[in-house]
Amino acid sequence: MLHRFLIALLPSAELSDKVIALRAALHALIGSFSGRNTPPHITLCFLDLPGELEPAIQTAMATGTRQGKPFPLHYNGITHFPDKRTIYIDPVEKDAIAAVRTPVISALKTDDALCPAVRETDHPHLTIAAGLKPGKFHAAWGMLAPHGLQHEERVGGVVLLKRPLQPGTIYGSVRKFPLG
């Protein structure tokens, strides 16, 4: 069976709770939207692969995170992509996120079974709502005004999440890989 393996940074419990509360308020206002039931996270990459390749993914992640260093991460404001389909909280230290993502991606790509499945995210963001149609976007954007949200935390690891690649399934946490 195919699984989606999500390699991500998880925000603090405090920020996760804020995102979940914003999603609940948006759901009450606009109804369903993509990402509503996904744990708050910043995607580094994902892979759609058979479950038996999980050990290889974990090995690559352990290798890729070994040289990483914990870092402070600031979030500054709620914004959206130009297509106005995704609203997110903007992390400031995108270079620090890239410095963690790059060696993990490199380690995954050294395995011939994993390499073709790697889907890298090059614009780190913490999604509040995705897949919004114009009417829903405008209502959501208006509710989130004045679009301010500041938060600071320390990132100390990368997390592997997975779910069966079937509609309605939810992610479960597999393992956290400490940086350094």
N, C-alpha and C. Protein backbone atom coordinates (compact mmCIF):
# COMPACT_ATOMS: atom_id res chain seq x y z
N MET A 1 0.83 -1.18 0.00
CA MET A 1 0.00 0.00 0.00
C MET A 1 0.88 1.25 0.00
N LEU A 2 0.49 2.22 -0.79
CA LEU A 2 1.22 3.49 -0.83
C LEU A 2 0.91 4.33 0.39
N HIS A 3 1.94 5.00 0.87
CA HIS A 3 1.82 5.94 1.98
C HIS A 3 2.40 7.28 1.55
N ARG A 4 1.90 8.33 2.14
CA ARG A 4 2.56 9.62 2.00
C ARG A 4 3.41 9.81 3.24
N PHE A 5 4.70 9.97 3.01
CA PHE A 5 5.65 10.25 4.08
C PHE A 5 5.94 11.74 4.04
N LEU A 6 5.68 12.41 5.12
CA LEU A 6 5.83 13.86 5.22
C LEU A 6 6.98 14.17 6.16
N ILE A 7 7.97 14.86 5.65
CA ILE A 7 9.13 15.26 6.45
C ILE A 7 8.96 16.74 6.73
N ALA A 8 8.90 17.08 8.03
CA ALA A 8 8.45 18.42 8.39
C ALA A 8 9.07 18.92 9.68
N LEU A 9 8.91 20.22 9.87
CA LEU A 9 9.18 20.86 11.15
C LEU A 9 7.82 21.07 11.81
N LEU A 10 7.71 20.69 13.07
CA LEU A 10 6.47 20.91 13.78
C LEU A 10 6.60 22.15 14.67
N PRO A 11 5.60 23.02 14.65
CA PRO A 11 5.65 24.18 15.54
C PRO A 11 5.42 23.75 16.98
N SER A 12 5.70 24.65 17.89
CA SER A 12 5.46 24.39 19.31
C SER A 12 3.98 24.09 19.54
N ALA A 13 3.70 23.48 20.69
CA ALA A 13 2.31 23.16 21.04
C ALA A 13 1.48 24.45 21.10
N GLU A 14 2.06 25.52 21.61
CA GLU A 14 1.35 26.80 21.70
C GLU A 14 0.93 27.30 20.32
N LEU A 15 1.85 27.31 19.36
CA LEU A 15 1.52 27.78 18.02
C LEU A 15 0.59 26.80 17.31
N SER A 16 0.80 25.50 17.50
CA SER A 16 -0.11 24.51 16.91
C SER A 16 -1.54 24.74 17.39
N ASP A 17 -1.70 25.00 18.68
CA ASP A 17 -3.04 25.26 19.22
C ASP A 17 -3.67 26.49 18.58
N LYS A 18 -2.87 27.54 18.33
CA LYS A 18 -3.38 28.74 17.67
C LYS A 18 -3.85 28.42 16.25
N VAL A 19 -3.05 27.64 15.51
CA VAL A 19 -3.41 27.28 14.14
C VAL A 19 -4.70 26.45 14.14
N ILE A 20 -4.80 25.50 15.04
CA ILE A 20 -5.99 24.66 15.12
C ILE A 20 -7.22 25.51 15.46
N ALA A 21 -7.06 26.48 16.35
CA ALA A 21 -8.18 27.37 16.69
C ALA A 21 -8.58 28.23 15.50
N LEU A 22 -7.60 28.75 14.75
CA LEU A 22 -7.91 29.53 13.55
C LEU A 22 -8.63 28.67 12.51
N ARG A 23 -8.18 27.45 12.34
CA ARG A 23 -8.84 26.54 11.40
C ARG A 23 -10.29 26.26 11.81
N ALA A 24 -10.51 26.07 13.11
CA ALA A 24 -11.87 25.81 13.59
C ALA A 24 -12.77 27.01 13.34
N ALA A 25 -12.26 28.21 13.60
CA ALA A 25 -13.05 29.42 13.36
C ALA A 25 -13.33 29.60 11.87
N LEU A 26 -12.34 29.32 11.04
CA LEU A 26 -12.54 29.41 9.59
C LEU A 26 -13.57 28.38 9.11
N HIS A 27 -13.48 27.17 9.64
CA HIS A 27 -14.43 26.14 9.25
C HIS A 27 -15.86 26.56 9.59
N ALA A 28 -16.04 27.17 10.76
CA ALA A 28 -17.37 27.64 11.14
C ALA A 28 -17.87 28.73 10.19
N LEU A 29 -16.95 29.52 9.66
CA LEU A 29 -17.32 30.63 8.77
C LEU A 29 -17.49 30.19 7.32
N ILE A 30 -16.55 29.39 6.80
CA ILE A 30 -16.55 29.11 5.35
C ILE A 30 -16.80 27.65 4.98
N GLY A 31 -16.88 26.78 5.97
CA GLY A 31 -17.03 25.36 5.67
C GLY A 31 -15.69 24.69 5.43
N SER A 32 -15.71 23.58 4.77
CA SER A 32 -14.53 22.74 4.59
C SER A 32 -13.47 23.39 3.70
N PHE A 33 -12.21 23.05 3.96
CA PHE A 33 -11.08 23.49 3.14
C PHE A 33 -9.96 22.49 3.32
N SER A 34 -9.04 22.49 2.38
CA SER A 34 -7.92 21.56 2.38
C SER A 34 -6.97 21.86 3.54
N GLY A 35 -6.45 20.82 4.15
CA GLY A 35 -5.47 20.97 5.22
C GLY A 35 -6.07 21.14 6.59
N ARG A 36 -7.40 21.19 6.69
CA ARG A 36 -8.04 21.47 7.98
C ARG A 36 -7.71 20.41 9.02
N ASN A 37 -7.56 19.15 8.61
CA ASN A 37 -7.32 18.07 9.56
C ASN A 37 -5.87 17.58 9.55
N THR A 38 -5.00 18.32 8.91
CA THR A 38 -3.59 17.97 8.89
C THR A 38 -2.90 18.64 10.08
N PRO A 39 -2.00 17.94 10.77
CA PRO A 39 -1.31 18.59 11.89
C PRO A 39 -0.55 19.83 11.39
N PRO A 40 -0.55 20.91 12.16
CA PRO A 40 0.22 22.09 11.76
C PRO A 40 1.70 21.71 11.58
N HIS A 41 2.29 22.16 10.48
CA HIS A 41 3.66 21.80 10.17
C HIS A 41 4.22 22.70 9.07
N ILE A 42 5.54 22.68 8.94
CA ILE A 42 6.23 23.28 7.81
C ILE A 42 6.83 22.12 7.02
N THR A 43 6.35 21.93 5.81
CA THR A 43 6.82 20.81 4.98
C THR A 43 8.23 21.08 4.47
N LEU A 44 9.10 20.09 4.62
CA LEU A 44 10.42 20.13 3.99
C LEU A 44 10.35 19.36 2.68
N CYS A 45 9.70 18.19 2.71
CA CYS A 45 9.46 17.40 1.51
C CYS A 45 8.46 16.30 1.84
N PHE A 46 7.97 15.65 0.79
CA PHE A 46 7.15 14.47 1.00
C PHE A 46 7.46 13.45 -0.07
N LEU A 47 7.10 12.19 0.22
CA LEU A 47 7.33 11.09 -0.69
C LEU A 47 6.10 10.19 -0.66
N ASP A 48 5.62 9.75 -1.80
CA ASP A 48 4.55 8.77 -1.90
C ASP A 48 5.18 7.44 -2.29
N LEU A 49 5.24 6.53 -1.33
CA LEU A 49 5.96 5.27 -1.52
C LEU A 49 5.30 4.13 -0.76
N PRO A 50 5.62 2.88 -1.13
CA PRO A 50 5.13 1.74 -0.35
C PRO A 50 5.68 1.79 1.08
N GLY A 51 4.88 1.32 2.02
CA GLY A 51 5.25 1.35 3.43
C GLY A 51 6.54 0.64 3.76
N GLU A 52 6.90 -0.36 2.97
CA GLU A 52 8.12 -1.11 3.29
C GLU A 52 9.39 -0.28 3.08
N LEU A 53 9.28 0.89 2.47
CA LEU A 53 10.46 1.76 2.30
C LEU A 53 10.66 2.71 3.49
N GLU A 54 9.79 2.61 4.48
CA GLU A 54 9.94 3.48 5.66
C GLU A 54 11.31 3.37 6.33
N PRO A 55 11.87 2.16 6.53
CA PRO A 55 13.21 2.10 7.14
C PRO A 55 14.26 2.87 6.34
N ALA A 56 14.20 2.82 5.02
CA ALA A 56 15.18 3.55 4.19
C ALA A 56 15.00 5.06 4.38
N ILE A 57 13.75 5.51 4.49
CA ILE A 57 13.49 6.94 4.72
C ILE A 57 14.07 7.35 6.07
N GLN A 58 13.85 6.54 7.09
CA GLN A 58 14.37 6.86 8.42
C GLN A 58 15.90 6.89 8.43
N THR A 59 16.51 5.97 7.73
CA THR A 59 17.99 5.96 7.66
C THR A 59 18.50 7.24 7.01
N ALA A 60 17.87 7.63 5.90
CA ALA A 60 18.28 8.85 5.21
C ALA A 60 18.05 10.08 6.10
N MET A 61 16.94 10.11 6.81
CA MET A 61 16.67 11.25 7.69
C MET A 61 17.70 11.34 8.81
N ALA A 62 18.06 10.20 9.38
CA ALA A 62 19.07 10.19 10.44
C ALA A 62 20.39 10.74 9.92
N THR A 63 20.75 10.35 8.70
CA THR A 63 21.98 10.85 8.08
C THR A 63 21.86 12.35 7.80
N GLY A 64 20.74 12.77 7.24
CA GLY A 64 20.56 14.17 6.84
C GLY A 64 20.46 15.15 7.99
N THR A 65 19.99 14.69 9.14
CA THR A 65 19.84 15.61 10.28
C THR A 65 21.07 15.64 11.18
N ARG A 66 21.99 14.71 10.97
CA ARG A 66 23.16 14.59 11.84
C ARG A 66 23.98 15.87 11.91
N GLN A 67 24.14 16.57 10.79
CA GLN A 67 24.97 17.78 10.76
C GLN A 67 24.17 19.06 11.06
N GLY A 68 22.86 18.93 11.18
CA GLY A 68 22.03 20.11 11.43
C GLY A 68 22.23 20.68 12.82
N LYS A 69 21.87 21.93 12.96
CA LYS A 69 21.99 22.61 14.25
C LYS A 69 20.62 23.19 14.63
N PRO A 70 20.24 23.06 15.91
CA PRO A 70 19.02 23.72 16.35
C PRO A 70 19.11 25.23 16.06
N PHE A 71 17.95 25.85 15.82
CA PHE A 71 17.95 27.27 15.49
C PHE A 71 16.67 27.94 15.97
N PRO A 72 16.75 29.25 16.22
CA PRO A 72 15.53 29.99 16.58
C PRO A 72 14.71 30.24 15.32
N LEU A 73 13.40 30.15 15.45
CA LEU A 73 12.51 30.40 14.33
C LEU A 73 11.45 31.41 14.77
N HIS A 74 11.35 32.46 14.00
CA HIS A 74 10.35 33.50 14.25
C HIS A 74 9.28 33.41 13.17
N TYR A 75 8.07 33.67 13.57
CA TYR A 75 6.96 33.76 12.63
C TYR A 75 6.49 35.21 12.67
N ASN A 76 6.24 35.77 11.49
CA ASN A 76 5.87 37.17 11.44
C ASN A 76 4.74 37.38 10.43
N GLY A 77 3.53 37.29 10.91
CA GLY A 77 2.38 37.66 10.11
C GLY A 77 1.71 36.52 9.39
N ILE A 78 0.47 36.77 9.05
CA ILE A 78 -0.34 35.86 8.26
C ILE A 78 -0.41 36.44 6.86
N THR A 79 -0.13 35.62 5.87
CA THR A 79 -0.11 36.09 4.48
C THR A 79 -0.70 35.00 3.58
N HIS A 80 -0.55 35.16 2.28
CA HIS A 80 -1.08 34.18 1.34
C HIS A 80 -0.21 34.12 0.10
N PHE A 81 -0.37 33.04 -0.65
CA PHE A 81 0.32 32.93 -1.93
C PHE A 81 -0.40 33.81 -2.95
N PRO A 82 0.30 34.22 -4.02
CA PRO A 82 -0.30 35.10 -5.02
C PRO A 82 -1.60 34.57 -5.64
N ASP A 83 -1.75 33.25 -5.73
CA ASP A 83 -2.98 32.70 -6.33
C ASP A 83 -4.19 32.78 -5.40
N LYS A 84 -3.97 33.22 -4.17
CA LYS A 84 -5.03 33.41 -3.17
C LYS A 84 -5.81 32.12 -2.90
N ARG A 85 -5.09 31.00 -2.88
CA ARG A 85 -5.72 29.72 -2.54
C ARG A 85 -5.24 29.19 -1.20
N THR A 86 -4.09 29.69 -0.71
CA THR A 86 -3.51 29.22 0.54
C THR A 86 -3.16 30.42 1.43
N ILE A 87 -3.63 30.36 2.68
CA ILE A 87 -3.31 31.37 3.69
C ILE A 87 -2.39 30.68 4.70
N TYR A 88 -1.32 31.38 5.08
CA TYR A 88 -0.34 30.74 5.96
C TYR A 88 0.32 31.75 6.89
N ILE A 89 1.00 31.20 7.91
CA ILE A 89 1.83 31.98 8.81
C ILE A 89 3.24 31.92 8.25
N ASP A 90 3.88 33.06 8.17
CA ASP A 90 5.17 33.17 7.48
C ASP A 90 6.34 33.01 8.43
N PRO A 91 7.16 31.95 8.25
CA PRO A 91 8.39 31.83 9.04
C PRO A 91 9.46 32.77 8.47
N VAL A 92 10.22 33.40 9.35
CA VAL A 92 11.20 34.40 8.93
C VAL A 92 12.51 33.75 8.47
N GLU A 93 13.02 32.80 9.22
CA GLU A 93 14.34 32.23 8.94
C GLU A 93 14.29 31.14 7.87
N LYS A 94 13.95 31.54 6.67
CA LYS A 94 13.84 30.58 5.57
C LYS A 94 15.19 29.96 5.21
N ASP A 95 16.28 30.71 5.36
CA ASP A 95 17.61 30.16 5.09
C ASP A 95 17.98 29.08 6.09
N ALA A 96 17.60 29.27 7.35
CA ALA A 96 17.87 28.25 8.37
C ALA A 96 17.06 26.99 8.09
N ILE A 97 15.83 27.16 7.63
CA ILE A 97 15.00 26.01 7.27
C ILE A 97 15.64 25.28 6.08
N ALA A 98 16.10 26.03 5.09
CA ALA A 98 16.76 25.43 3.92
C ALA A 98 18.03 24.69 4.33
N ALA A 99 18.75 25.21 5.31
CA ALA A 99 19.98 24.56 5.77
C ALA A 99 19.68 23.22 6.43
N VAL A 100 18.49 23.05 6.97
CA VAL A 100 18.08 21.77 7.52
C VAL A 100 17.53 20.87 6.41
N ARG A 101 16.75 21.44 5.52
CA ARG A 101 16.10 20.67 4.44
C ARG A 101 17.12 20.09 3.46
N THR A 102 18.11 20.86 3.05
CA THR A 102 19.04 20.46 1.99
C THR A 102 19.76 19.14 2.28
N PRO A 103 20.37 18.96 3.46
CA PRO A 103 21.04 17.67 3.68
C PRO A 103 20.08 16.49 3.81
N VAL A 104 18.86 16.74 4.27
CA VAL A 104 17.87 15.66 4.34
C VAL A 104 17.50 15.23 2.93
N ILE A 105 17.24 16.21 2.06
CA ILE A 105 16.91 15.90 0.66
C ILE A 105 18.08 15.17 0.00
N SER A 106 19.27 15.64 0.22
CA SER A 106 20.46 14.99 -0.37
C SER A 106 20.58 13.54 0.08
N ALA A 107 20.35 13.29 1.36
CA ALA A 107 20.43 11.92 1.88
C ALA A 107 19.34 11.03 1.28
N LEU A 108 18.13 11.57 1.14
CA LEU A 108 17.05 10.80 0.52
C LEU A 108 17.37 10.46 -0.93
N LYS A 109 17.97 11.41 -1.63
CA LYS A 109 18.26 11.21 -3.06
C LYS A 109 19.43 10.27 -3.33
N THR A 110 20.19 9.91 -2.30
CA THR A 110 21.26 8.93 -2.51
C THR A 110 20.72 7.51 -2.61
N ASP A 111 19.47 7.31 -2.20
CA ASP A 111 18.85 5.98 -2.28
C ASP A 111 18.04 5.91 -3.57
N ASP A 112 18.40 4.98 -4.46
CA ASP A 112 17.73 4.87 -5.77
C ASP A 112 16.23 4.59 -5.66
N ALA A 113 15.81 3.93 -4.60
CA ALA A 113 14.38 3.64 -4.43
C ALA A 113 13.60 4.87 -3.96
N LEU A 114 14.26 5.79 -3.29
CA LEU A 114 13.58 6.98 -2.75
C LEU A 114 13.66 8.18 -3.69
N CYS A 115 14.78 8.32 -4.37
CA CYS A 115 15.08 9.52 -5.16
C CYS A 115 13.94 9.99 -6.07
N PRO A 116 13.36 9.13 -6.89
CA PRO A 116 12.33 9.62 -7.82
C PRO A 116 11.06 10.12 -7.12
N ALA A 117 10.85 9.73 -5.87
CA ALA A 117 9.62 10.09 -5.16
C ALA A 117 9.74 11.38 -4.35
N VAL A 118 10.94 11.93 -4.20
CA VAL A 118 11.15 13.12 -3.37
C VAL A 118 10.47 14.33 -4.00
N ARG A 119 9.59 14.97 -3.24
CA ARG A 119 8.91 16.20 -3.66
C ARG A 119 9.25 17.27 -2.64
N GLU A 120 10.18 18.14 -3.01
CA GLU A 120 10.71 19.17 -2.12
C GLU A 120 9.84 20.42 -2.13
N THR A 121 9.72 21.04 -0.96
CA THR A 121 9.02 22.31 -0.85
C THR A 121 10.07 23.41 -0.70
N ASP A 122 10.05 24.37 -1.61
CA ASP A 122 11.08 25.42 -1.56
C ASP A 122 10.57 26.74 -1.00
N HIS A 123 9.33 26.79 -0.56
CA HIS A 123 8.80 28.00 0.09
C HIS A 123 8.18 27.60 1.42
N PRO A 124 9.00 27.58 2.48
CA PRO A 124 8.48 27.13 3.77
C PRO A 124 7.35 28.03 4.27
N HIS A 125 6.32 27.39 4.81
CA HIS A 125 5.17 28.12 5.35
C HIS A 125 4.39 27.21 6.29
N LEU A 126 3.64 27.81 7.18
CA LEU A 126 2.79 27.09 8.12
C LEU A 126 1.34 27.34 7.71
N THR A 127 0.74 26.39 7.02
CA THR A 127 -0.57 26.55 6.42
C THR A 127 -1.67 26.67 7.47
N ILE A 128 -2.53 27.67 7.26
CA ILE A 128 -3.77 27.77 8.02
C ILE A 128 -4.89 27.13 7.20
N ALA A 129 -5.01 27.53 5.92
CA ALA A 129 -6.05 26.99 5.04
C ALA A 129 -5.51 26.93 3.62
N ALA A 130 -5.88 25.88 2.89
CA ALA A 130 -5.43 25.70 1.51
C ALA A 130 -6.61 25.30 0.63
N GLY A 131 -6.40 25.36 -0.67
CA GLY A 131 -7.42 24.96 -1.61
C GLY A 131 -8.64 25.85 -1.62
N LEU A 132 -8.46 27.11 -1.27
CA LEU A 132 -9.60 28.03 -1.16
C LEU A 132 -10.03 28.55 -2.52
N LYS A 133 -11.33 28.53 -2.75
CA LYS A 133 -11.90 29.17 -3.93
C LYS A 133 -12.06 30.65 -3.61
N PRO A 134 -12.22 31.53 -4.63
CA PRO A 134 -12.23 32.98 -4.39
C PRO A 134 -13.17 33.46 -3.28
N GLY A 135 -14.40 33.00 -3.25
CA GLY A 135 -15.33 33.45 -2.22
C GLY A 135 -14.88 33.06 -0.82
N LYS A 136 -14.41 31.84 -0.69
CA LYS A 136 -13.92 31.38 0.61
C LYS A 136 -12.65 32.12 1.01
N PHE A 137 -11.78 32.38 0.03
CA PHE A 137 -10.55 33.11 0.33
C PHE A 137 -10.88 34.48 0.91
N HIS A 138 -11.75 35.23 0.26
CA HIS A 138 -12.05 36.59 0.71
C HIS A 138 -12.69 36.60 2.09
N ALA A 139 -13.57 35.64 2.37
CA ALA A 139 -14.18 35.55 3.70
C ALA A 139 -13.12 35.20 4.75
N ALA A 140 -12.25 34.24 4.42
CA ALA A 140 -11.21 33.82 5.36
C ALA A 140 -10.22 34.95 5.60
N TRP A 141 -9.81 35.61 4.53
CA TRP A 141 -8.84 36.70 4.65
C TRP A 141 -9.41 37.82 5.50
N GLY A 142 -10.68 38.12 5.30
CA GLY A 142 -11.33 39.15 6.11
C GLY A 142 -11.41 38.77 7.58
N MET A 143 -11.67 37.51 7.87
CA MET A 143 -11.76 37.07 9.27
C MET A 143 -10.40 37.13 9.97
N LEU A 144 -9.35 36.84 9.25
CA LEU A 144 -8.02 36.80 9.86
C LEU A 144 -7.40 38.19 10.06
N ALA A 145 -8.05 39.23 9.51
CA ALA A 145 -7.53 40.59 9.68
C ALA A 145 -7.38 40.90 11.16
N PRO A 146 -6.35 41.58 11.56
CA PRO A 146 -5.42 42.38 10.77
C PRO A 146 -4.20 41.61 10.29
N HIS A 147 -4.28 40.31 10.22
CA HIS A 147 -3.22 39.48 9.63
C HIS A 147 -1.91 39.49 10.40
N GLY A 148 -1.97 39.81 11.66
CA GLY A 148 -0.77 39.81 12.49
C GLY A 148 -0.68 38.57 13.34
N LEU A 149 0.47 38.01 13.44
CA LEU A 149 0.74 36.91 14.35
C LEU A 149 2.25 36.82 14.48
N GLN A 150 2.75 37.05 15.67
CA GLN A 150 4.18 36.93 15.92
C GLN A 150 4.39 35.81 16.92
N HIS A 151 5.43 35.03 16.66
CA HIS A 151 5.75 33.92 17.55
C HIS A 151 7.23 33.60 17.39
N GLU A 152 7.84 33.12 18.47
CA GLU A 152 9.25 32.72 18.43
C GLU A 152 9.39 31.39 19.14
N GLU A 153 10.21 30.51 18.56
CA GLU A 153 10.46 29.22 19.18
C GLU A 153 11.81 28.68 18.72
N ARG A 154 12.22 27.58 19.30
CA ARG A 154 13.48 26.95 18.93
C ARG A 154 13.17 25.63 18.22
N VAL A 155 13.77 25.44 17.06
CA VAL A 155 13.60 24.21 16.29
C VAL A 155 14.76 23.29 16.65
N GLY A 156 14.43 22.10 17.13
CA GLY A 156 15.47 21.17 17.54
C GLY A 156 15.45 19.85 16.80
N GLY A 157 14.49 19.69 15.88
CA GLY A 157 14.43 18.42 15.18
C GLY A 157 13.50 18.44 13.99
N VAL A 158 13.57 17.37 13.23
CA VAL A 158 12.76 17.16 12.04
C VAL A 158 11.89 15.93 12.33
N VAL A 159 10.65 15.96 11.86
CA VAL A 159 9.71 14.89 12.17
C VAL A 159 9.30 14.17 10.90
N LEU A 160 9.14 12.85 11.01
CA LEU A 160 8.58 12.04 9.94
C LEU A 160 7.15 11.68 10.32
N LEU A 161 6.22 12.06 9.46
CA LEU A 161 4.81 11.71 9.62
C LEU A 161 4.44 10.82 8.44
N LYS A 162 3.39 10.01 8.61
CA LYS A 162 2.94 9.22 7.47
C LYS A 162 1.44 8.96 7.59
N ARG A 163 0.84 8.70 6.42
CA ARG A 163 -0.56 8.30 6.35
C ARG A 163 -0.74 7.44 5.11
N PRO A 164 -1.69 6.51 5.16
CA PRO A 164 -2.00 5.77 3.92
C PRO A 164 -2.48 6.75 2.86
N LEU A 165 -2.10 6.52 1.64
CA LEU A 165 -2.46 7.43 0.55
C LEU A 165 -3.87 7.08 0.06
N GLN A 166 -4.83 7.37 0.93
CA GLN A 166 -6.24 7.16 0.65
C GLN A 166 -7.02 8.34 1.20
N PRO A 167 -8.13 8.71 0.56
CA PRO A 167 -8.92 9.85 1.05
C PRO A 167 -9.38 9.65 2.49
N GLY A 168 -9.32 10.73 3.26
CA GLY A 168 -9.81 10.71 4.63
C GLY A 168 -8.85 10.19 5.68
N THR A 169 -7.66 9.73 5.28
CA THR A 169 -6.71 9.24 6.27
C THR A 169 -5.97 10.41 6.90
N ILE A 170 -5.50 10.19 8.11
CA ILE A 170 -4.80 11.26 8.83
C ILE A 170 -3.36 10.84 9.11
N TYR A 171 -2.51 11.84 9.30
CA TYR A 171 -1.10 11.58 9.56
C TYR A 171 -0.90 11.09 10.99
N GLY A 172 0.01 10.16 11.12
CA GLY A 172 0.49 9.73 12.42
C GLY A 172 1.97 10.04 12.50
N SER A 173 2.43 10.31 13.70
CA SER A 173 3.84 10.61 13.91
C SER A 173 4.62 9.30 13.93
N VAL A 174 5.72 9.27 13.18
CA VAL A 174 6.56 8.07 13.14
C VAL A 174 7.75 8.25 14.07
N ARG A 175 8.48 9.37 13.90
CA ARG A 175 9.71 9.55 14.68
C ARG A 175 10.21 10.98 14.53
N LYS A 176 10.83 11.47 15.60
CA LYS A 176 11.49 12.78 15.55
C LYS A 176 12.99 12.54 15.48
N PHE A 177 13.65 13.29 14.59
CA PHE A 177 15.09 13.20 14.40
C PHE A 177 15.72 14.49 14.92
N PRO A 178 16.47 14.42 16.02
CA PRO A 178 17.07 15.64 16.56
C PRO A 178 18.13 16.19 15.61
N LEU A 179 18.27 17.49 15.62
CA LEU A 179 19.32 18.14 14.82
C LEU A 179 20.62 18.09 15.59
N GLY A 180 21.70 17.67 14.91
CA GLY A 180 23.01 17.64 15.53
C GLY A 180 23.32 16.36 16.23
